[in-house]
Amino acid sequence: MKHFDLSLYLVLDPELCAGIGMVETARAAVAGGATIVQLRDKHAGTAMLIETGRALKAVLSGTGAKLIINDDVEAAIAIGADGLHIGQEDMDARTARTRIGADMILGLSVETEALAAAVDPAIVDYAGIGPVFATPTKADHKQPIGFDGLARLVELCPVPSVAIGGLKASHVPRAFAAGADGLAVVSAICGMADPEAATRLIAENIGKVRR
């Protein structure tokens, strides 16, 4: 049985994090309560992802926070990451699972009711559901689904889910009320003057709704 906590899921953005860097942002965010860190860098090659990922793994060591690599299965394996996250256009989940083996966490992006219902819990460990709102950090995102759409997809999805897309600390109650197991944030932490304090605010809000 894999143990992971989706409640506060940080997706690193290299441009937003440019001021202090992704590794320092991750360190601060985990100190503030982030439970998962995803390395997402669409412009980096595999070698660069591996270099950054290994630095992140060192920073997260002993914290209990999980390191997930976006899209790049080669990098995820080379880093010895805790997991891989794929989109619907990246590779099919069965192929990804075969490549990474049984022990690594596998996440899958889900944007429609049909895709949510089609998730295979024997292959996929969690779903990233959204976008809840339009977000500038992902230019090619699908039509926003809002909190009503989130609730419908969560209900159909047979695995734990994390809401994503333009979410901030103030959205915590509605994301959890919709049934999500957590929320994924990018700009609410990346690029903030104090990413640890920004994360702590979200974590405190999560603590209130999970009591």
C-alpha atoms as a PDB file:
ATOM      1  CA  MET A   1       0.000   0.000   0.000  1.00  0.00           C
ATOM      2  CA  LYS A   2       1.463   3.356  -1.034  1.00  0.00           C
ATOM      3  CA  HIS A   3       1.290   6.133   1.544  1.00  0.00           C
ATOM      4  CA  PHE A   4       1.130   9.708   0.302  1.00  0.00           C
ATOM      5  CA  ASP A   5      -0.681  12.865   1.361  1.00  0.00           C
ATOM      6  CA  LEU A   6      -2.185  14.930  -1.470  1.00  0.00           C
ATOM      7  CA  SER A   7      -3.443  17.716   0.799  1.00  0.00           C
ATOM      8  CA  LEU A   8      -0.894  20.403  -0.155  1.00  0.00           C
ATOM      9  CA  TYR A   9       0.631  19.627  -3.523  1.00  0.00           C
ATOM     10  CA  LEU A  10       3.194  22.138  -4.845  1.00  0.00           C
ATOM     11  CA  VAL A  11       3.855  22.220  -8.592  1.00  0.00           C
ATOM     12  CA  LEU A  12       7.157  23.971  -9.212  1.00  0.00           C
ATOM     13  CA  ASP A  13       7.309  26.477 -12.075  1.00  0.00           C
ATOM     14  CA  PRO A  14      10.849  27.432 -13.164  1.00  0.00           C
ATOM     15  CA  GLU A  15       9.893  30.938 -14.302  1.00  0.00           C
ATOM     16  CA  LEU A  16       7.878  31.862 -11.222  1.00  0.00           C
ATOM     17  CA  CYS A  17      10.569  30.358  -8.983  1.00  0.00           C
ATOM     18  CA  ALA A  18      13.408  32.116 -10.809  1.00  0.00           C
ATOM     19  CA  GLY A  19      14.069  34.563  -7.957  1.00  0.00           C
ATOM     20  CA  ILE A  20      15.262  31.958  -5.440  1.00  0.00           C
ATOM     21  CA  GLY A  21      15.153  28.837  -7.607  1.00  0.00           C
ATOM     22  CA  MET A  22      13.021  25.704  -7.523  1.00  0.00           C
ATOM     23  CA  VAL A  23      15.108  23.859  -4.940  1.00  0.00           C
ATOM     24  CA  GLU A  24      14.989  26.672  -2.378  1.00  0.00           C
ATOM     25  CA  THR A  25      11.272  27.221  -3.083  1.00  0.00           C
ATOM     26  CA  ALA A  26      10.634  23.524  -2.424  1.00  0.00           C
ATOM     27  CA  ARG A  27      12.658  23.563   0.802  1.00  0.00           C
ATOM     28  CA  ALA A  28      10.722  26.569   2.084  1.00  0.00           C
ATOM     29  CA  ALA A  29       7.360  25.162   1.013  1.00  0.00           C
ATOM     30  CA  VAL A  30       7.931  21.821   2.718  1.00  0.00           C
ATOM     31  CA  ALA A  31       8.973  23.672   5.876  1.00  0.00           C
ATOM     32  CA  GLY A  32       5.625  25.475   5.602  1.00  0.00           C
ATOM     33  CA  GLY A  33       3.622  22.287   5.201  1.00  0.00           C
ATOM     34  CA  ALA A  34       3.728  21.141   1.556  1.00  0.00           C
ATOM     35  CA  THR A  35       3.203  17.356   1.422  1.00  0.00           C
ATOM     36  CA  ILE A  36       4.112  16.721  -2.234  1.00  0.00           C
ATOM     37  CA  VAL A  37       6.450  18.551  -4.605  1.00  0.00           C
ATOM     38  CA  GLN A  38       6.139  18.110  -8.356  1.00  0.00           C
ATOM     39  CA  LEU A  39       8.983  19.100 -10.653  1.00  0.00           C
ATOM     40  CA  ARG A  40       7.407  20.473 -13.830  1.00  0.00           C
ATOM     41  CA  ASP A  41       9.689  22.088 -16.389  1.00  0.00           C
ATOM     42  CA  LYS A  42       8.464  21.747 -19.960  1.00  0.00           C
ATOM     43  CA  HIS A  43      11.570  23.383 -21.414  1.00  0.00           C
ATOM     44  CA  ALA A  44      14.246  21.348 -19.633  1.00  0.00           C
ATOM     45  CA  GLY A  45      15.722  18.248 -21.221  1.00  0.00           C
ATOM     46  CA  THR A  46      15.993  14.967 -19.340  1.00  0.00           C
ATOM     47  CA  ALA A  47      19.572  15.628 -18.169  1.00  0.00           C
ATOM     48  CA  MET A  48      18.613  18.979 -16.651  1.00  0.00           C
ATOM     49  CA  LEU A  49      15.512  17.498 -15.010  1.00  0.00           C
ATOM     50  CA  ILE A  50      17.652  14.766 -13.462  1.00  0.00           C
ATOM     51  CA  GLU A  51      20.100  17.339 -12.083  1.00  0.00           C
ATOM     52  CA  THR A  52      17.318  19.470 -10.563  1.00  0.00           C
ATOM     53  CA  GLY A  53      15.412  16.404  -9.391  1.00  0.00           C
ATOM     54  CA  ARG A  54      18.403  14.991  -7.526  1.00  0.00           C
ATOM     55  CA  ALA A  55      18.918  18.338  -5.786  1.00  0.00           C
ATOM     56  CA  LEU A  56      15.218  18.353  -4.828  1.00  0.00           C
ATOM     57  CA  LYS A  57      15.423  14.784  -3.564  1.00  0.00           C
ATOM     58  CA  ALA A  58      18.340  15.743  -1.308  1.00  0.00           C
ATOM     59  CA  VAL A  59      16.411  18.739   0.094  1.00  0.00           C
ATOM     60  CA  LEU A  60      13.258  16.675   0.702  1.00  0.00           C
ATOM     61  CA  SER A  61      15.105  13.763   2.305  1.00  0.00           C
ATOM     62  CA  GLY A  62      13.793  13.058   5.785  1.00  0.00           C
ATOM     63  CA  THR A  63      10.861  15.500   5.508  1.00  0.00           C
ATOM     64  CA  GLY A  64       8.209  12.954   4.543  1.00  0.00           C
ATOM     65  CA  ALA A  65       7.257  15.038   1.491  1.00  0.00           C
ATOM     66  CA  LYS A  66       7.091  13.102  -1.781  1.00  0.00           C
ATOM     67  CA  LEU A  67       8.873  14.104  -5.000  1.00  0.00           C
ATOM     68  CA  ILE A  68       6.878  13.657  -8.228  1.00  0.00           C
ATOM     69  CA  ILE A  69       8.333  14.227 -11.706  1.00  0.00           C
ATOM     70  CA  ASN A  70       6.071  15.576 -14.428  1.00  0.00           C
ATOM     71  CA  ASP A  71       5.968  13.777 -17.789  1.00  0.00           C
ATOM     72  CA  ASP A  72       9.564  12.514 -18.032  1.00  0.00           C
ATOM     73  CA  VAL A  73       9.653   8.818 -17.152  1.00  0.00           C
ATOM     74  CA  GLU A  74      13.407   8.546 -17.808  1.00  0.00           C
ATOM     75  CA  ALA A  75      14.129  11.364 -15.370  1.00  0.00           C
ATOM     76  CA  ALA A  76      11.781   9.959 -12.720  1.00  0.00           C
ATOM     77  CA  ILE A  77      13.562   6.599 -12.820  1.00  0.00           C
ATOM     78  CA  ALA A  78      17.075   8.098 -12.868  1.00  0.00           C
ATOM     79  CA  ILE A  79      16.293  10.388  -9.909  1.00  0.00           C
ATOM     80  CA  GLY A  80      14.680   7.597  -7.925  1.00  0.00           C
ATOM     81  CA  ALA A  81      11.688   9.892  -7.484  1.00  0.00           C
ATOM     82  CA  ASP A  82       8.667   8.870  -5.420  1.00  0.00           C
ATOM     83  CA  GLY A  83       6.398   9.240  -8.415  1.00  0.00           C
ATOM     84  CA  LEU A  84       5.592  10.255 -11.971  1.00  0.00           C
ATOM     85  CA  HIS A  85       2.700  12.446 -13.143  1.00  0.00           C
ATOM     86  CA  ILE A  86       1.462  12.224 -16.708  1.00  0.00           C
ATOM     87  CA  GLY A  87      -1.080  14.077 -18.800  1.00  0.00           C
ATOM     88  CA  GLN A  88      -3.539  12.469 -21.183  1.00  0.00           C
ATOM     89  CA  GLU A  89      -1.300  13.354 -24.152  1.00  0.00           C
ATOM     90  CA  ASP A  90       2.012  12.208 -22.661  1.00  0.00           C
ATOM     91  CA  MET A  91       1.840   8.414 -22.686  1.00  0.00           C
ATOM     92  CA  ASP A  92      -0.860   5.993 -21.698  1.00  0.00           C
ATOM     93  CA  ALA A  93      -1.008   5.068 -18.035  1.00  0.00           C
ATOM     94  CA  ARG A  94      -0.463   1.356 -18.604  1.00  0.00           C
ATOM     95  CA  THR A  95       2.793   2.017 -20.482  1.00  0.00           C
ATOM     96  CA  ALA A  96       3.925   4.439 -17.758  1.00  0.00           C
ATOM     97  CA  ARG A  97       3.187   1.876 -15.037  1.00  0.00           C
ATOM     98  CA  THR A  98       5.140  -0.807 -16.913  1.00  0.00           C
ATOM     99  CA  ARG A  99       8.123   1.552 -17.181  1.00  0.00           C
ATOM    100  CA  ILE A 100       8.197   2.761 -13.569  1.00  0.00           C
ATOM    101  CA  GLY A 101       7.263  -0.509 -11.869  1.00  0.00           C
ATOM    102  CA  ALA A 102       4.719  -1.263  -9.174  1.00  0.00           C
ATOM    103  CA  ASP A 103       6.187   0.789  -6.311  1.00  0.00           C
ATOM    104  CA  MET A 104       6.352   4.282  -7.795  1.00  0.00           C
ATOM    105  CA  ILE A 105       3.340   6.605  -7.375  1.00  0.00           C
ATOM    106  CA  LEU A 106       1.577   7.331 -10.679  1.00  0.00           C
ATOM    107  CA  GLY A 107      -0.612  10.402 -11.116  1.00  0.00           C
ATOM    108  CA  LEU A 108      -2.778  11.211 -14.127  1.00  0.00           C
ATOM    109  CA  SER A 109      -4.332  14.497 -15.261  1.00  0.00           C
ATOM    110  CA  VAL A 110      -8.098  14.291 -15.750  1.00  0.00           C
ATOM    111  CA  GLU A 111     -10.169  17.058 -17.363  1.00  0.00           C
ATOM    112  CA  THR A 112     -13.545  15.490 -18.250  1.00  0.00           C
ATOM    113  CA  GLU A 113     -16.177  13.255 -16.689  1.00  0.00           C
ATOM    114  CA  ALA A 114     -15.437  10.488 -19.207  1.00  0.00           C
ATOM    115  CA  LEU A 115     -11.716  10.548 -18.369  1.00  0.00           C
ATOM    116  CA  ALA A 116     -12.447  10.573 -14.619  1.00  0.00           C
ATOM    117  CA  ALA A 117     -14.671   7.513 -14.895  1.00  0.00           C
ATOM    118  CA  ALA A 118     -12.102   5.731 -17.088  1.00  0.00           C
ATOM    119  CA  VAL A 119      -9.229   5.914 -14.551  1.00  0.00           C
ATOM    120  CA  ASP A 120      -7.996   2.407 -13.711  1.00  0.00           C
ATOM    121  CA  PRO A 121      -7.227   2.129  -9.972  1.00  0.00           C
ATOM    122  CA  ALA A 122      -5.076  -0.932 -10.650  1.00  0.00           C
ATOM    123  CA  ILE A 123      -2.685   1.327 -12.586  1.00  0.00           C
ATOM    124  CA  VAL A 124      -3.158   4.926 -11.408  1.00  0.00           C
ATOM    125  CA  ASP A 125      -2.701   6.032  -7.765  1.00  0.00           C
ATOM    126  CA  TYR A 126      -4.221   9.515  -7.900  1.00  0.00           C
ATOM    127  CA  ALA A 127      -5.778  11.946 -10.358  1.00  0.00           C
ATOM    128  CA  GLY A 128      -5.075  15.637 -10.850  1.00  0.00           C
ATOM    129  CA  ILE A 129      -8.504  17.098 -11.601  1.00  0.00           C
ATOM    130  CA  GLY A 130      -8.981  20.444 -13.299  1.00  0.00           C
ATOM    131  CA  PRO A 131      -8.372  23.096 -14.261  1.00  0.00           C
ATOM    132  CA  VAL A 132     -10.767  24.516 -11.683  1.00  0.00           C
ATOM    133  CA  PHE A 133      -9.951  28.024 -12.966  1.00  0.00           C
ATOM    134  CA  ALA A 134      -8.025  29.333 -15.959  1.00  0.00           C
ATOM    135  CA  THR A 135      -4.363  29.720 -15.099  1.00  0.00           C
ATOM    136  CA  PRO A 136      -1.466  31.473 -16.874  1.00  0.00           C
ATOM    137  CA  THR A 137       1.032  28.847 -15.633  1.00  0.00           C
ATOM    138  CA  LYS A 138      -0.310  26.293 -18.131  1.00  0.00           C
ATOM    139  CA  ALA A 139      -1.067  27.898 -21.481  1.00  0.00           C
ATOM    140  CA  ASP A 140      -2.546  24.766 -23.094  1.00  0.00           C
ATOM    141  CA  HIS A 141      -4.986  23.889 -20.310  1.00  0.00           C
ATOM    142  CA  LYS A 142      -8.501  22.673 -21.057  1.00  0.00           C
ATOM    143  CA  GLN A 143     -11.759  24.520 -20.338  1.00  0.00           C
ATOM    144  CA  PRO A 144     -12.043  25.410 -16.621  1.00  0.00           C
ATOM    145  CA  ILE A 145     -14.518  23.177 -14.765  1.00  0.00           C
ATOM    146  CA  GLY A 146     -15.203  25.270 -11.637  1.00  0.00           C
ATOM    147  CA  PHE A 147     -16.002  23.743  -8.251  1.00  0.00           C
ATOM    148  CA  ASP A 148     -19.231  22.148  -9.506  1.00  0.00           C
ATOM    149  CA  GLY A 149     -17.301  20.375 -12.239  1.00  0.00           C
ATOM    150  CA  LEU A 150     -14.646  19.380  -9.726  1.00  0.00           C
ATOM    151  CA  ALA A 151     -17.290  17.766  -7.507  1.00  0.00           C
ATOM    152  CA  ARG A 152     -18.728  15.804 -10.463  1.00  0.00           C
ATOM    153  CA  LEU A 153     -15.315  14.518 -11.578  1.00  0.00           C
ATOM    154  CA  VAL A 154     -14.231  13.626  -8.022  1.00  0.00           C
ATOM    155  CA  GLU A 155     -17.406  11.594  -7.580  1.00  0.00           C
ATOM    156  CA  LEU A 156     -16.758   9.655 -10.805  1.00  0.00           C
ATOM    157  CA  CYS A 157     -13.042   9.138 -10.193  1.00  0.00           C
ATOM    158  CA  PRO A 158     -12.140   5.846  -8.439  1.00  0.00           C
ATOM    159  CA  VAL A 159      -8.799   7.054  -7.014  1.00  0.00           C
ATOM    160  CA  PRO A 160      -7.802   9.899  -4.641  1.00  0.00           C
ATOM    161  CA  SER A 161      -7.795  13.294  -6.317  1.00  0.00           C
ATOM    162  CA  VAL A 162      -6.049  16.631  -6.121  1.00  0.00           C
ATOM    163  CA  ALA A 163      -7.707  19.777  -7.512  1.00  0.00           C
ATOM    164  CA  ILE A 164      -5.575  21.994  -9.744  1.00  0.00           C
ATOM    165  CA  GLY A 165      -5.872  25.221 -11.692  1.00  0.00           C
ATOM    166  CA  GLY A 166      -5.568  28.750 -10.326  1.00  0.00           C
ATOM    167  CA  LEU A 167      -6.102  27.708  -6.705  1.00  0.00           C
ATOM    168  CA  LYS A 168      -5.113  29.817  -3.696  1.00  0.00           C
ATOM    169  CA  ALA A 169      -5.428  29.627   0.104  1.00  0.00           C
ATOM    170  CA  SER A 170      -8.952  31.078  -0.002  1.00  0.00           C
ATOM    171  CA  HIS A 171     -10.134  28.185  -2.192  1.00  0.00           C
ATOM    172  CA  VAL A 172      -9.267  25.467   0.352  1.00  0.00           C
ATOM    173  CA  PRO A 173     -12.777  25.074   1.850  1.00  0.00           C
ATOM    174  CA  ARG A 174     -14.476  24.755  -1.545  1.00  0.00           C
ATOM    175  CA  ALA A 175     -11.894  22.318  -2.942  1.00  0.00           C
ATOM    176  CA  PHE A 176     -12.311  19.985   0.031  1.00  0.00           C
ATOM    177  CA  ALA A 177     -16.106  20.469   0.068  1.00  0.00           C
ATOM    178  CA  ALA A 178     -16.103  19.249  -3.547  1.00  0.00           C
ATOM    179  CA  GLY A 179     -14.521  16.024  -2.305  1.00  0.00           C
ATOM    180  CA  ALA A 180     -10.910  16.546  -3.400  1.00  0.00           C
ATOM    181  CA  ASP A 181      -8.210  15.060  -1.176  1.00  0.00           C
ATOM    182  CA  GLY A 182      -6.026  18.100  -1.641  1.00  0.00           C
ATOM    183  CA  LEU A 183      -5.205  21.060  -3.813  1.00  0.00           C
ATOM    184  CA  ALA A 184      -2.283  21.637  -6.123  1.00  0.00           C
ATOM    185  CA  VAL A 185      -0.888  25.147  -6.235  1.00  0.00           C
ATOM    186  CA  VAL A 186       1.683  26.892  -8.393  1.00  0.00           C
ATOM    187  CA  SER A 187       1.605  30.704  -8.255  1.00  0.00           C
ATOM    188  CA  ALA A 188       0.163  30.745  -4.715  1.00  0.00           C
ATOM    189  CA  ILE A 189       3.638  29.597  -3.562  1.00  0.00           C
ATOM    190  CA  CYS A 190       6.118  29.918  -6.463  1.00  0.00           C
ATOM    191  CA  GLY A 191       7.349  33.477  -6.829  1.00  0.00           C
ATOM    192  CA  MET A 192       5.988  34.635  -3.477  1.00  0.00           C
ATOM    193  CA  ALA A 193       8.366  36.805  -1.456  1.00  0.00           C
ATOM    194  CA  ASP A 194       8.119  34.284   1.410  1.00  0.00           C
ATOM    195  CA  PRO A 195       7.149  30.865   0.032  1.00  0.00           C
ATOM    196  CA  GLU A 196       7.284  29.270   3.489  1.00  0.00           C
ATOM    197  CA  ALA A 197       4.750  31.748   4.904  1.00  0.00           C
ATOM    198  CA  ALA A 198       2.570  31.431   1.790  1.00  0.00           C
ATOM    199  CA  THR A 199       2.555  27.646   2.182  1.00  0.00           C
ATOM    200  CA  ARG A 200       1.844  27.844   5.904  1.00  0.00           C
ATOM    201  CA  LEU A 201      -1.258  29.956   5.239  1.00  0.00           C
ATOM    202  CA  ILE A 202      -2.621  27.281   2.878  1.00  0.00           C
ATOM    203  CA  ALA A 203      -1.662  24.504   5.314  1.00  0.00           C
ATOM    204  CA  GLU A 204      -3.449  26.264   8.176  1.00  0.00           C
ATOM    205  CA  ASN A 205      -6.597  26.567   6.051  1.00  0.00           C
ATOM    206  CA  ILE A 206      -6.381  22.861   5.209  1.00  0.00           C
ATOM    207  CA  GLY A 207      -5.984  22.060   8.900  1.00  0.00           C
ATOM    208  CA  LYS A 208      -9.223  23.907   9.665  1.00  0.00           C
ATOM    209  CA  VAL A 209     -11.309  21.996   7.101  1.00  0.00           C
ATOM    210  CA  ARG A 210      -9.808  18.598   7.940  1.00  0.00           C
ATOM    211  CA  ARG A 211     -10.440  18.749  11.680  1.00  0.00           C
END
